[in-house]
């Protein structure tokens, strides 16, 4: 995110917006990996659902100033802050983490005040073909 700065003078607004549109240090490592390699995976013979393409596209543009931002100004000091729009997708590491925090907080209010255990059951590899079949009842 751009640092908090004082408002530029009117003559430098053009330079400010050029700097703003070229600035993208908020791209995380996952975004860089997908930007570099997702086209290779998409062009392979693997079947990928449309929702995956949509979520990857959202995640790639999350936090990018080119796709929108809000400009907040302080009436007292004249300073301002530029905040890029987010994708709000659970697939995105930034937005997905926020979703997880909100979800776990909401669930914590619904749970009984007692110790809980988390258990994961797995099916042995030899039995997995039996569970993968579709059974019509």
Protein backbone atom coordinates (compact mmCIF):
# COMPACT_ATOMS: atom_id res chain seq x y z
CA UNK A 1 0.00 0.00 0.00
CA UNK A 2 1.22 3.49 -0.66
CA UNK A 3 2.51 5.23 2.43
CA UNK A 4 0.55 8.03 4.06
CA UNK A 5 1.69 11.25 2.44
CA UNK A 6 0.66 14.86 2.40
CA UNK A 7 -1.42 16.06 -0.52
CA UNK A 8 0.54 16.91 -3.67
CA UNK A 9 0.23 20.37 -5.13
CA UNK A 10 -2.15 20.69 -8.11
CA UNK A 11 0.73 20.94 -10.63
CA UNK A 12 2.05 17.49 -9.67
CA UNK A 13 -1.29 15.60 -9.77
CA UNK A 14 -0.45 14.08 -13.17
CA UNK A 15 2.89 12.77 -11.92
CA UNK A 16 1.19 11.51 -8.77
CA UNK A 17 -1.33 9.43 -10.73
CA UNK A 18 1.36 8.01 -13.03
CA UNK A 19 3.30 6.94 -9.95
CA UNK A 20 0.12 5.53 -8.45
CA UNK A 21 -0.75 3.43 -11.51
CA UNK A 22 2.76 2.01 -11.83
CA UNK A 23 3.06 1.24 -8.13
CA UNK A 24 2.26 -2.37 -7.20
CA UNK A 25 4.44 -3.59 -4.36
CA UNK A 26 1.43 -5.31 -2.81
CA UNK A 27 1.70 -8.25 -5.25
CA UNK A 28 2.39 -11.26 -3.08
CA UNK A 29 4.34 -14.37 -4.04
CA UNK A 30 1.20 -16.35 -4.93
CA UNK A 31 0.10 -13.63 -7.35
CA UNK A 32 3.54 -13.67 -8.96
CA UNK A 33 3.48 -17.46 -9.36
CA UNK A 34 0.03 -17.41 -10.95
CA UNK A 35 0.92 -14.47 -13.21
CA UNK A 36 4.01 -16.35 -14.44
CA UNK A 37 2.64 -19.90 -14.74
CA UNK A 38 -1.18 -20.04 -14.87
CA UNK A 39 -1.36 -19.57 -18.65
CA UNK A 40 0.85 -22.64 -19.08
CA UNK A 41 -1.46 -24.72 -16.89
CA UNK A 42 -4.58 -23.31 -18.57
CA UNK A 43 -3.29 -24.16 -22.05
CA UNK A 44 -2.52 -27.77 -21.05
CA UNK A 45 -4.96 -30.65 -21.40
CA UNK A 46 -6.19 -30.29 -17.80
CA UNK A 47 -9.88 -29.43 -17.52
CA UNK A 48 -10.34 -26.28 -15.46
CA UNK A 49 -13.74 -24.96 -14.41
CA UNK A 50 -14.78 -21.42 -15.34
CA UNK A 51 -15.01 -20.43 -11.68
CA UNK A 52 -11.31 -21.19 -11.27
CA UNK A 53 -10.48 -18.82 -14.12
CA UNK A 54 -12.69 -16.13 -12.55
CA UNK A 55 -11.10 -16.48 -9.12
CA UNK A 56 -7.56 -16.51 -10.48
CA UNK A 57 -8.34 -13.37 -12.51
CA UNK A 58 -9.75 -11.65 -9.41
CA UNK A 59 -6.78 -12.70 -7.29
CA UNK A 60 -4.28 -11.42 -9.86
CA UNK A 61 -5.86 -7.94 -9.84
CA UNK A 62 -6.48 -7.77 -6.08
CA UNK A 63 -4.88 -4.67 -4.58
CA UNK A 64 -3.81 -3.35 -7.99
CA UNK A 65 -4.37 0.41 -8.25
CA UNK A 66 -5.07 0.09 -11.99
CA UNK A 67 -8.35 -1.67 -11.17
CA UNK A 68 -9.65 0.96 -8.78
CA UNK A 69 -8.91 2.62 -5.50
CA UNK A 70 -10.40 4.96 -2.93
CA UNK A 71 -8.75 8.24 -2.05
CA UNK A 72 -9.33 9.33 1.55
CA UNK A 73 -8.38 12.81 2.71
CA UNK A 74 -8.12 14.37 6.14
CA UNK A 75 -9.77 17.76 6.49
CA UNK A 76 -7.60 18.67 9.49
CA UNK A 77 -4.06 18.01 8.28
CA UNK A 78 -4.61 17.85 4.51
CA UNK A 79 -3.00 14.43 4.30
CA UNK A 80 -4.49 11.63 2.25
CA UNK A 81 -4.34 7.87 1.87
CA UNK A 82 -4.89 5.79 -1.25
CA UNK A 83 -6.49 2.38 -0.67
CA UNK A 84 -6.75 -0.11 -3.57
CA UNK A 85 -9.90 -2.19 -4.03
CA UNK A 86 -9.75 -5.86 -3.04
CA UNK A 87 -11.25 -8.92 -4.74
CA UNK A 88 -12.97 -10.38 -1.63
CA UNK A 89 -12.36 -13.89 -2.93
CA UNK A 90 -11.58 -16.77 -0.57
CA UNK A 91 -8.95 -17.94 -3.08
CA UNK A 92 -6.87 -14.80 -2.59
CA UNK A 93 -4.33 -15.04 0.24
CA UNK A 94 -5.06 -11.52 1.50
CA UNK A 95 -8.86 -11.58 1.23
CA UNK A 96 -9.12 -15.28 2.09
CA UNK A 97 -7.25 -14.72 5.34
CA UNK A 98 -9.66 -11.93 6.25
CA UNK A 99 -12.59 -14.22 5.38
CA UNK A 100 -11.14 -16.98 7.61
CA UNK A 101 -10.69 -14.61 10.53
CA UNK A 102 -14.25 -13.33 10.25
CA UNK A 103 -15.64 -16.85 9.85
CA UNK A 104 -13.74 -18.23 12.84
CA UNK A 105 -14.83 -15.27 14.98
CA UNK A 106 -18.46 -15.83 14.00
CA UNK A 107 -18.16 -19.56 14.75
CA UNK A 108 -16.55 -18.91 18.12
CA UNK A 109 -19.72 -17.11 19.26
CA UNK A 110 -21.85 -20.11 18.24
CA UNK A 111 -19.79 -22.84 19.92
CA UNK A 112 -20.32 -24.09 23.44
CA UNK A 113 -17.73 -22.81 25.91
CA UNK A 114 -15.74 -26.03 26.27
CA UNK A 115 -12.56 -27.57 24.90
CA UNK A 116 -12.89 -28.77 21.33
CA UNK A 117 -10.77 -31.24 19.41
CA UNK A 118 -10.22 -31.28 15.68
CA UNK A 119 -9.99 -34.76 14.17
CA UNK A 120 -9.21 -35.66 10.58
CA UNK A 121 -10.16 -39.10 9.32
CA UNK A 122 -8.53 -40.45 6.19
CA UNK A 123 -9.42 -43.43 4.07
CA UNK A 124 -6.58 -45.89 3.35
CA UNK A 125 -5.37 -45.70 -0.24
CA UNK A 126 -6.46 -49.29 -0.95
CA UNK A 127 -10.11 -48.44 -0.08
CA UNK A 128 -10.37 -45.13 -1.94
CA UNK A 129 -11.69 -46.66 -5.21
CA UNK A 130 -14.74 -47.93 -3.31
CA UNK A 131 -15.57 -44.48 -1.96
CA UNK A 132 -14.96 -42.71 -5.27
CA UNK A 133 -17.75 -44.56 -7.08
CA UNK A 134 -21.12 -42.87 -7.52
CA UNK A 135 -23.92 -44.97 -6.07
CA UNK A 136 -27.50 -44.42 -7.25
CA UNK A 137 -29.93 -45.08 -4.42
